[in-house]
Amino acid sequence: MSGHSKWATTKHRKAAQDSKRSALFSKLSRIITVAAKEGGDPNPENNSSLAAAIDKAKGYSLPKDKIESAINKAFGGGADGAVYENVVYEGYGPAGIAVYLECLTDNRNRTAADVRSAFTHAGGNLGTTGSVAFQFERKGRIFVAKEDNAEDEDEFMMAVAEAGGDDYEDDDEQWIVYTDPKELATVRKGIEDQGIAVKGAELTMVPTNTTEVSVADAKKVMRLVDRLEELDDVQNVYHTMEMTDEIAAALDED
């Protein structure tokens, strides 16, 4: 178990900026609305999908009033009555980097066209179902804010191990704990039972192997990622590019 996971990426490196926060909050709200509607119950204690959606939203600091509003929308009508479905797209970006997308859409044709356009403009190509999925695995991810907890790294590492976590990483102002997806709720409870405050949790995809690229190619890949994340229907973007310190520094300068 180590504090600096090789799985780390900068998928949400710009999420804190005001220009992208609104779009991120909108996507998180949509996930909550769909989860509440599909589960048929506004109470997360009786709706596991809704509970998971709320946990994810809290991990990205979605305000409580927006969470409540998103739940209320699920049982409204009119403009809020759109039927959404989960769709996955797979493809290759610049330098052959595998890219896996999770979308939530009420119009498959529109989403497919937008995604294909993003890949084409970035010099990549949209693949068929299963073309890159084998390069990723599902993981649970738990967020723990350092400012809310007094543990040092050694104590935190022991707490994660005691709770049954697979790994963790130091992500500046927070710890990120990785788990088996089926054990996400159990590990979260195990961490909280040790007096550690959890900020949020979610299911994610991590690459089984990463690929090293040049700084120039890394910038091209991240331009594709940013373009995809700007699409309203795209919820999550995962890739296999290895984020070295050199590349992270170069991206931060842009």
C-alpha atoms as a PDB file:
ATOM      1  CA  MET A   1       0.000   0.000   0.000  1.00  0.00           C
ATOM      2  CA  SER A   2       1.478   3.341  -1.036  1.00  0.00           C
ATOM      3  CA  GLY A   3       0.535   6.980  -0.784  1.00  0.00           C
ATOM      4  CA  HIS A   4       1.088   7.867  -4.416  1.00  0.00           C
ATOM      5  CA  SER A   5      -0.944   5.597  -6.649  1.00  0.00           C
ATOM      6  CA  LYS A   6       0.111   5.063 -10.263  1.00  0.00           C
ATOM      7  CA  TRP A   7      -3.579   5.314 -11.127  1.00  0.00           C
ATOM      8  CA  ALA A   8      -3.648   9.032 -10.419  1.00  0.00           C
ATOM      9  CA  THR A   9      -4.739  11.279 -13.284  1.00  0.00           C
ATOM     10  CA  THR A  10      -5.746  14.898 -13.613  1.00  0.00           C
ATOM     11  CA  LYS A  11      -9.266  14.122 -14.848  1.00  0.00           C
ATOM     12  CA  HIS A  12     -10.701  16.790 -12.590  1.00  0.00           C
ATOM     13  CA  ARG A  13      -7.694  19.113 -12.539  1.00  0.00           C
ATOM     14  CA  LYS A  14      -9.808  22.060 -13.739  1.00  0.00           C
ATOM     15  CA  ALA A  15     -13.039  21.164 -11.929  1.00  0.00           C
ATOM     16  CA  ALA A  16     -12.350  23.720  -9.184  1.00  0.00           C
ATOM     17  CA  GLN A  17     -12.293  26.597 -11.643  1.00  0.00           C
ATOM     18  CA  ASP A  18     -15.465  28.665 -11.739  1.00  0.00           C
ATOM     19  CA  SER A  19     -15.724  28.237 -15.518  1.00  0.00           C
ATOM     20  CA  LYS A  20     -16.158  24.465 -15.143  1.00  0.00           C
ATOM     21  CA  ARG A  21     -17.757  24.182 -11.713  1.00  0.00           C
ATOM     22  CA  SER A  22     -21.220  25.052 -13.022  1.00  0.00           C
ATOM     23  CA  ALA A  23     -21.045  22.342 -15.703  1.00  0.00           C
ATOM     24  CA  LEU A  24     -19.765  19.797 -13.181  1.00  0.00           C
ATOM     25  CA  PHE A  25     -22.572  20.602 -10.745  1.00  0.00           C
ATOM     26  CA  SER A  26     -25.119  20.260 -13.548  1.00  0.00           C
ATOM     27  CA  LYS A  27     -23.830  16.770 -14.397  1.00  0.00           C
ATOM     28  CA  LEU A  28     -23.818  15.678 -10.774  1.00  0.00           C
ATOM     29  CA  SER A  29     -27.379  16.936 -10.359  1.00  0.00           C
ATOM     30  CA  ARG A  30     -28.480  14.957 -13.411  1.00  0.00           C
ATOM     31  CA  ILE A  31     -26.954  11.771 -11.988  1.00  0.00           C
ATOM     32  CA  ILE A  32     -28.868  12.300  -8.731  1.00  0.00           C
ATOM     33  CA  THR A  33     -32.148  12.973 -10.538  1.00  0.00           C
ATOM     34  CA  VAL A  34     -31.842   9.838 -12.667  1.00  0.00           C
ATOM     35  CA  ALA A  35     -30.809   7.672  -9.696  1.00  0.00           C
ATOM     36  CA  ALA A  36     -33.759   8.926  -7.634  1.00  0.00           C
ATOM     37  CA  LYS A  37     -36.206   8.365 -10.478  1.00  0.00           C
ATOM     38  CA  GLU A  38     -34.947   4.913 -11.418  1.00  0.00           C
ATOM     39  CA  GLY A  39     -34.894   3.818  -7.779  1.00  0.00           C
ATOM     40  CA  GLY A  40     -38.410   5.130  -7.258  1.00  0.00           C
ATOM     41  CA  ASP A  41     -37.597   6.476  -3.799  1.00  0.00           C
ATOM     42  CA  PRO A  42     -36.267   9.911  -2.730  1.00  0.00           C
ATOM     43  CA  ASN A  43     -34.789   8.419   0.447  1.00  0.00           C
ATOM     44  CA  PRO A  44     -31.165   7.321  -0.106  1.00  0.00           C
ATOM     45  CA  GLU A  45     -31.522   4.815   2.751  1.00  0.00           C
ATOM     46  CA  ASN A  46     -33.976   2.888   0.572  1.00  0.00           C
ATOM     47  CA  ASN A  47     -32.313   3.657  -2.776  1.00  0.00           C
ATOM     48  CA  SER A  48     -28.698   2.471  -3.070  1.00  0.00           C
ATOM     49  CA  SER A  49     -28.169   4.090  -6.478  1.00  0.00           C
ATOM     50  CA  LEU A  50     -29.291   7.432  -5.101  1.00  0.00           C
ATOM     51  CA  ALA A  51     -27.053   7.005  -2.051  1.00  0.00           C
ATOM     52  CA  ALA A  52     -24.059   6.396  -4.333  1.00  0.00           C
ATOM     53  CA  ALA A  53     -24.945   9.423  -6.492  1.00  0.00           C
ATOM     54  CA  ILE A  54     -25.208  11.661  -3.433  1.00  0.00           C
ATOM     55  CA  ASP A  55     -21.886  10.382  -2.112  1.00  0.00           C
ATOM     56  CA  LYS A  56     -20.238  11.232  -5.409  1.00  0.00           C
ATOM     57  CA  ALA A  57     -21.807  14.696  -5.445  1.00  0.00           C
ATOM     58  CA  LYS A  58     -20.612  15.395  -1.918  1.00  0.00           C
ATOM     59  CA  GLY A  59     -17.113  14.369  -2.974  1.00  0.00           C
ATOM     60  CA  TYR A  60     -17.134  17.290  -5.396  1.00  0.00           C
ATOM     61  CA  SER A  61     -18.780  19.700  -2.913  1.00  0.00           C
ATOM     62  CA  LEU A  62     -22.208  19.907  -4.549  1.00  0.00           C
ATOM     63  CA  PRO A  63     -24.274  22.092  -2.161  1.00  0.00           C
ATOM     64  CA  LYS A  64     -26.998  20.423  -0.086  1.00  0.00           C
ATOM     65  CA  ASP A  65     -29.756  22.564  -1.633  1.00  0.00           C
ATOM     66  CA  LYS A  66     -28.743  21.469  -5.137  1.00  0.00           C
ATOM     67  CA  ILE A  67     -28.813  17.821  -4.049  1.00  0.00           C
ATOM     68  CA  GLU A  68     -32.326  18.264  -2.645  1.00  0.00           C
ATOM     69  CA  SER A  69     -33.443  20.095  -5.781  1.00  0.00           C
ATOM     70  CA  ALA A  70     -32.096  17.309  -8.009  1.00  0.00           C
ATOM     71  CA  ILE A  71     -34.007  14.689  -5.989  1.00  0.00           C
ATOM     72  CA  ASN A  72     -37.220  16.730  -6.203  1.00  0.00           C
ATOM     73  CA  LYS A  73     -36.856  16.959  -9.982  1.00  0.00           C
ATOM     74  CA  ALA A  74     -37.045  13.170 -10.236  1.00  0.00           C
ATOM     75  CA  PHE A  75     -40.654  13.228  -9.140  1.00  0.00           C
ATOM     76  CA  GLY A  76     -41.716  16.277 -11.119  1.00  0.00           C
ATOM     77  CA  GLY A  77     -43.077  16.458 -14.627  1.00  0.00           C
ATOM     78  CA  GLY A  78     -42.897  18.597 -17.716  1.00  0.00           C
ATOM     79  CA  ALA A  79     -39.396  19.652 -18.740  1.00  0.00           C
ATOM     80  CA  ASP A  80     -37.889  17.469 -16.029  1.00  0.00           C
ATOM     81  CA  GLY A  81     -39.539  14.356 -17.403  1.00  0.00           C
ATOM     82  CA  ALA A  82     -36.836  13.460 -19.942  1.00  0.00           C
ATOM     83  CA  VAL A  83     -35.813   9.808 -20.038  1.00  0.00           C
ATOM     84  CA  TYR A  84     -32.049   9.371 -19.658  1.00  0.00           C
ATOM     85  CA  GLU A  85     -29.954   6.266 -20.275  1.00  0.00           C
ATOM     86  CA  ASN A  86     -26.375   5.338 -19.534  1.00  0.00           C
ATOM     87  CA  VAL A  87     -24.177   4.929 -22.610  1.00  0.00           C
ATOM     88  CA  VAL A  88     -20.477   4.033 -22.859  1.00  0.00           C
ATOM     89  CA  TYR A  89     -18.162   5.125 -25.668  1.00  0.00           C
ATOM     90  CA  GLU A  90     -14.625   3.897 -26.261  1.00  0.00           C
ATOM     91  CA  GLY A  91     -11.839   5.112 -28.488  1.00  0.00           C
ATOM     92  CA  TYR A  92      -8.231   6.127 -28.945  1.00  0.00           C
ATOM     93  CA  GLY A  93      -6.819   9.602 -28.553  1.00  0.00           C
ATOM     94  CA  PRO A  94      -3.481  11.110 -29.638  1.00  0.00           C
ATOM     95  CA  ALA A  95      -0.442   8.813 -29.245  1.00  0.00           C
ATOM     96  CA  GLY A  96      -2.742   5.797 -29.101  1.00  0.00           C
ATOM     97  CA  ILE A  97      -4.015   6.561 -25.590  1.00  0.00           C
ATOM     98  CA  ALA A  98      -7.135   4.554 -24.729  1.00  0.00           C
ATOM     99  CA  VAL A  99     -10.145   6.653 -23.700  1.00  0.00           C
ATOM    100  CA  TYR A 100     -13.286   5.358 -21.975  1.00  0.00           C
ATOM    101  CA  LEU A 101     -16.382   7.551 -21.590  1.00  0.00           C
ATOM    102  CA  GLU A 102     -19.479   7.218 -19.437  1.00  0.00           C
ATOM    103  CA  CYS A 103     -22.436   9.276 -20.650  1.00  0.00           C
ATOM    104  CA  LEU A 104     -25.965   9.998 -19.501  1.00  0.00           C
ATOM    105  CA  THR A 105     -28.156  11.040 -22.410  1.00  0.00           C
ATOM    106  CA  ASP A 106     -31.720  11.495 -23.592  1.00  0.00           C
ATOM    107  CA  ASN A 107     -30.609  11.444 -27.241  1.00  0.00           C
ATOM    108  CA  ARG A 108     -28.091   8.801 -28.354  1.00  0.00           C
ATOM    109  CA  ASN A 109     -27.699  10.261 -31.852  1.00  0.00           C
ATOM    110  CA  ARG A 110     -26.746  13.692 -30.523  1.00  0.00           C
ATOM    111  CA  THR A 111     -24.299  12.275 -27.997  1.00  0.00           C
ATOM    112  CA  ALA A 112     -22.643   9.946 -30.512  1.00  0.00           C
ATOM    113  CA  ALA A 113     -22.195  12.794 -32.987  1.00  0.00           C
ATOM    114  CA  ASP A 114     -20.712  15.109 -30.350  1.00  0.00           C
ATOM    115  CA  VAL A 115     -18.318  12.450 -29.057  1.00  0.00           C
ATOM    116  CA  ARG A 116     -17.206  11.436 -32.549  1.00  0.00           C
ATOM    117  CA  SER A 117     -16.571  15.081 -33.441  1.00  0.00           C
ATOM    118  CA  ALA A 118     -14.414  15.566 -30.333  1.00  0.00           C
ATOM    119  CA  PHE A 119     -12.268  12.532 -31.196  1.00  0.00           C
ATOM    120  CA  THR A 120     -11.922  13.584 -34.841  1.00  0.00           C
ATOM    121  CA  HIS A 121     -10.824  17.129 -33.999  1.00  0.00           C
ATOM    122  CA  ALA A 122      -8.234  15.769 -31.560  1.00  0.00           C
ATOM    123  CA  GLY A 123      -6.703  13.403 -34.091  1.00  0.00           C
ATOM    124  CA  GLY A 124      -8.162  10.319 -32.439  1.00  0.00           C
ATOM    125  CA  ASN A 125     -10.871   7.889 -33.401  1.00  0.00           C
ATOM    126  CA  LEU A 126     -14.021   6.491 -31.833  1.00  0.00           C
ATOM    127  CA  GLY A 127     -13.842   2.721 -31.419  1.00  0.00           C
ATOM    128  CA  THR A 128     -16.346  -0.102 -31.152  1.00  0.00           C
ATOM    129  CA  THR A 129     -17.820  -1.475 -27.927  1.00  0.00           C
ATOM    130  CA  GLY A 130     -15.152  -3.377 -26.011  1.00  0.00           C
ATOM    131  CA  SER A 131     -12.242  -1.910 -27.970  1.00  0.00           C
ATOM    132  CA  VAL A 132     -10.600  -0.372 -24.884  1.00  0.00           C
ATOM    133  CA  ALA A 133     -12.751  -1.451 -21.927  1.00  0.00           C
ATOM    134  CA  PHE A 134     -10.396  -4.351 -21.178  1.00  0.00           C
ATOM    135  CA  GLN A 135      -7.676  -1.811 -20.347  1.00  0.00           C
ATOM    136  CA  PHE A 136      -9.630  -0.511 -17.332  1.00  0.00           C
ATOM    137  CA  GLU A 137     -11.084  -1.944 -14.145  1.00  0.00           C
ATOM    138  CA  ARG A 138     -13.866  -0.710 -11.891  1.00  0.00           C
ATOM    139  CA  LYS A 139     -12.794   0.576  -8.476  1.00  0.00           C
ATOM    140  CA  GLY A 140     -14.414   2.294  -5.533  1.00  0.00           C
ATOM    141  CA  ARG A 141     -12.946   5.640  -4.498  1.00  0.00           C
ATOM    142  CA  ILE A 142     -13.362   7.349  -1.115  1.00  0.00           C
ATOM    143  CA  PHE A 143     -12.418  10.985  -0.452  1.00  0.00           C
ATOM    144  CA  VAL A 144     -11.037  12.056   2.923  1.00  0.00           C
ATOM    145  CA  ALA A 145     -10.251  15.743   3.507  1.00  0.00           C
ATOM    146  CA  LYS A 146      -7.005  16.209   5.430  1.00  0.00           C
ATOM    147  CA  GLU A 147      -8.236  19.340   7.168  1.00  0.00           C
ATOM    148  CA  ASP A 148     -11.095  17.361   8.734  1.00  0.00           C
ATOM    149  CA  ASN A 149      -8.809  14.699  10.199  1.00  0.00           C
ATOM    150  CA  ALA A 150      -5.785  14.772  12.509  1.00  0.00           C
ATOM    151  CA  GLU A 151      -4.165  11.495  11.374  1.00  0.00           C
ATOM    152  CA  ASP A 152      -0.669  11.586   9.922  1.00  0.00           C
ATOM    153  CA  GLU A 153       0.087   9.426   6.894  1.00  0.00           C
ATOM    154  CA  ASP A 154       1.256   6.378   8.848  1.00  0.00           C
ATOM    155  CA  GLU A 155      -1.867   6.417  11.006  1.00  0.00           C
ATOM    156  CA  PHE A 156      -4.062   6.927   7.964  1.00  0.00           C
ATOM    157  CA  MET A 157      -2.389   4.057   6.103  1.00  0.00           C
ATOM    158  CA  MET A 158      -3.085   1.738   9.036  1.00  0.00           C
ATOM    159  CA  ALA A 159      -6.707   2.907   9.178  1.00  0.00           C
ATOM    160  CA  VAL A 160      -7.186   2.199   5.475  1.00  0.00           C
ATOM    161  CA  ALA A 161      -5.693  -1.270   5.839  1.00  0.00           C
ATOM    162  CA  GLU A 162      -7.885  -1.976   8.883  1.00  0.00           C
ATOM    163  CA  ALA A 163     -10.979  -0.923   6.934  1.00  0.00           C
ATOM    164  CA  GLY A 164     -10.091  -3.215   4.027  1.00  0.00           C
ATOM    165  CA  GLY A 165      -9.033  -0.588   1.477  1.00  0.00           C
ATOM    166  CA  ASP A 166      -6.885  -1.700  -1.459  1.00  0.00           C
ATOM    167  CA  ASP A 167      -4.705   1.398  -1.807  1.00  0.00           C
ATOM    168  CA  TYR A 168      -4.660   5.139  -1.257  1.00  0.00           C
ATOM    169  CA  GLU A 169      -3.032   8.229  -2.689  1.00  0.00           C
ATOM    170  CA  ASP A 170      -2.055  11.664  -1.414  1.00  0.00           C
ATOM    171  CA  ASP A 171      -4.014  14.185  -3.499  1.00  0.00           C
ATOM    172  CA  ASP A 172      -2.805  17.484  -2.042  1.00  0.00           C
ATOM    173  CA  GLU A 173      -5.573  18.555   0.379  1.00  0.00           C
ATOM    174  CA  GLN A 174      -7.224  15.143   0.556  1.00  0.00           C
ATOM    175  CA  TRP A 175      -6.590  11.409   0.679  1.00  0.00           C
ATOM    176  CA  ILE A 176      -8.168   9.160  -1.946  1.00  0.00           C
ATOM    177  CA  VAL A 177      -8.782   5.552  -0.893  1.00  0.00           C
ATOM    178  CA  TYR A 178      -9.309   2.850  -3.542  1.00  0.00           C
ATOM    179  CA  THR A 179     -11.432  -0.228  -2.913  1.00  0.00           C
ATOM    180  CA  ASP A 180     -13.014  -3.212  -4.587  1.00  0.00           C
ATOM    181  CA  PRO A 181     -16.237  -1.769  -6.081  1.00  0.00           C
ATOM    182  CA  LYS A 182     -18.399  -4.242  -4.150  1.00  0.00           C
ATOM    183  CA  GLU A 183     -16.716  -3.242  -0.890  1.00  0.00           C
ATOM    184  CA  LEU A 184     -17.051   0.539  -1.264  1.00  0.00           C
ATOM    185  CA  ALA A 185     -19.785   0.959   1.354  1.00  0.00           C
ATOM    186  CA  THR A 186     -18.117  -1.485   3.757  1.00  0.00           C
ATOM    187  CA  VAL A 187     -14.703   0.183   3.525  1.00  0.00           C
ATOM    188  CA  ARG A 188     -16.250   3.626   3.914  1.00  0.00           C
ATOM    189  CA  LYS A 189     -18.027   2.521   7.078  1.00  0.00           C
ATOM    190  CA  GLY A 190     -14.807   0.911   8.342  1.00  0.00           C
ATOM    191  CA  ILE A 191     -12.964   4.192   7.901  1.00  0.00           C
ATOM    192  CA  GLU A 192     -15.713   6.249   9.540  1.00  0.00           C
ATOM    193  CA  ASP A 193     -15.923   3.806  12.454  1.00  0.00           C
ATOM    194  CA  GLN A 194     -12.310   4.728  13.260  1.00  0.00           C
ATOM    195  CA  GLY A 195     -13.302   8.357  13.713  1.00  0.00           C
ATOM    196  CA  ILE A 196     -12.197   9.526  10.277  1.00  0.00           C
ATOM    197  CA  ALA A 197     -14.576  11.907   8.479  1.00  0.00           C
ATOM    198  CA  VAL A 198     -15.315  10.917   4.877  1.00  0.00           C
ATOM    199  CA  LYS A 199     -16.005  13.663   2.355  1.00  0.00           C
ATOM    200  CA  GLY A 200     -17.600  11.489  -0.331  1.00  0.00           C
ATOM    201  CA  ALA A 201     -17.317   8.301  -2.371  1.00  0.00           C
ATOM    202  CA  GLU A 202     -17.879   7.065  -5.909  1.00  0.00           C
ATOM    203  CA  LEU A 203     -17.276   4.253  -8.380  1.00  0.00           C
ATOM    204  CA  THR A 204     -14.586   4.957 -10.968  1.00  0.00           C
ATOM    205  CA  MET A 205     -12.522   3.268 -13.685  1.00  0.00           C
ATOM    206  CA  VAL A 206      -8.733   2.986 -13.463  1.00  0.00           C
ATOM    207  CA  PRO A 207      -6.304   1.792 -16.144  1.00  0.00           C
ATOM    208  CA  THR A 208      -4.721  -1.608 -15.615  1.00  0.00           C
ATOM    209  CA  ASN A 209      -1.587  -0.258 -17.316  1.00  0.00           C
ATOM    210  CA  THR A 210      -0.581   3.286 -18.209  1.00  0.00           C
ATOM    211  CA  THR A 211       1.305   4.552 -21.259  1.00  0.00           C
ATOM    212  CA  GLU A 212       4.114   7.100 -21.202  1.00  0.00           C
ATOM    213  CA  VAL A 213       3.907   9.904 -23.766  1.00  0.00           C
ATOM    214  CA  SER A 214       5.800  13.104 -24.493  1.00  0.00           C
ATOM    215  CA  VAL A 215       4.718  16.426 -23.009  1.00  0.00           C
ATOM    216  CA  ALA A 216       3.526  17.547 -26.437  1.00  0.00           C
ATOM    217  CA  ASP A 217       1.346  14.462 -26.844  1.00  0.00           C
ATOM    218  CA  ALA A 218       0.103  14.768 -23.262  1.00  0.00           C
ATOM    219  CA  LYS A 219      -1.203  18.245 -24.017  1.00  0.00           C
ATOM    220  CA  LYS A 220      -3.029  16.880 -27.069  1.00  0.00           C
ATOM    221  CA  VAL A 221      -4.592  14.115 -24.987  1.00  0.00           C
ATOM    222  CA  MET A 222      -5.740  16.554 -22.311  1.00  0.00           C
ATOM    223  CA  ARG A 223      -7.226  18.848 -24.949  1.00  0.00           C
ATOM    224  CA  LEU A 224      -9.350  15.881 -26.025  1.00  0.00           C
ATOM    225  CA  VAL A 225     -10.270  15.100 -22.413  1.00  0.00           C
ATOM    226  CA  ASP A 226     -11.240  18.732 -21.773  1.00  0.00           C
ATOM    227  CA  ARG A 227     -13.299  18.844 -24.973  1.00  0.00           C
ATOM    228  CA  LEU A 228     -15.142  15.668 -23.994  1.00  0.00           C
ATOM    229  CA  GLU A 229     -15.762  16.846 -20.411  1.00  0.00           C
ATOM    230  CA  GLU A 230     -17.329  20.021 -21.764  1.00  0.00           C
ATOM    231  CA  LEU A 231     -20.078  17.979 -23.452  1.00  0.00           C
ATOM    232  CA  ASP A 232     -23.281  18.046 -21.389  1.00  0.00           C
ATOM    233  CA  ASP A 233     -23.944  14.327 -21.852  1.00  0.00           C
ATOM    234  CA  VAL A 234     -20.462  13.139 -20.843  1.00  0.00           C
ATOM    235  CA  GLN A 235     -20.291  12.266 -17.150  1.00  0.00           C
ATOM    236  CA  ASN A 236     -16.830  10.716 -16.798  1.00  0.00           C
ATOM    237  CA  VAL A 237     -13.703  10.499 -18.966  1.00  0.00           C
ATOM    238  CA  TYR A 238     -10.967   7.956 -18.213  1.00  0.00           C
ATOM    239  CA  HIS A 239      -7.683   7.416 -20.057  1.00  0.00           C
ATOM    240  CA  THR A 240      -4.513   5.345 -19.900  1.00  0.00           C
ATOM    241  CA  MET A 241      -1.951   8.148 -20.148  1.00  0.00           C
ATOM    242  CA  GLU A 242       0.640   8.095 -17.354  1.00  0.00           C
ATOM    243  CA  MET A 243       0.750  11.370 -15.472  1.00  0.00           C
ATOM    244  CA  THR A 244       4.410  11.988 -14.684  1.00  0.00           C
ATOM    245  CA  ASP A 245       5.552  14.959 -12.592  1.00  0.00           C
ATOM    246  CA  GLU A 246       6.938  16.572 -15.744  1.00  0.00           C
ATOM    247  CA  ILE A 247       3.631  16.263 -17.577  1.00  0.00           C
ATOM    248  CA  ALA A 248       1.589  17.444 -14.570  1.00  0.00           C
ATOM    249  CA  ALA A 249       3.800  20.532 -14.259  1.00  0.00           C
ATOM    250  CA  ALA A 250       3.487  21.273 -17.980  1.00  0.00           C
ATOM    251  CA  LEU A 251      -0.305  20.949 -17.883  1.00  0.00           C
ATOM    252  CA  ASP A 252      -0.525  23.242 -14.868  1.00  0.00           C
ATOM    253  CA  GLU A 253       1.301  25.929 -16.837  1.00  0.00           C
ATOM    254  CA  ASP A 254      -1.320  25.933 -19.579  1.00  0.00           C
END
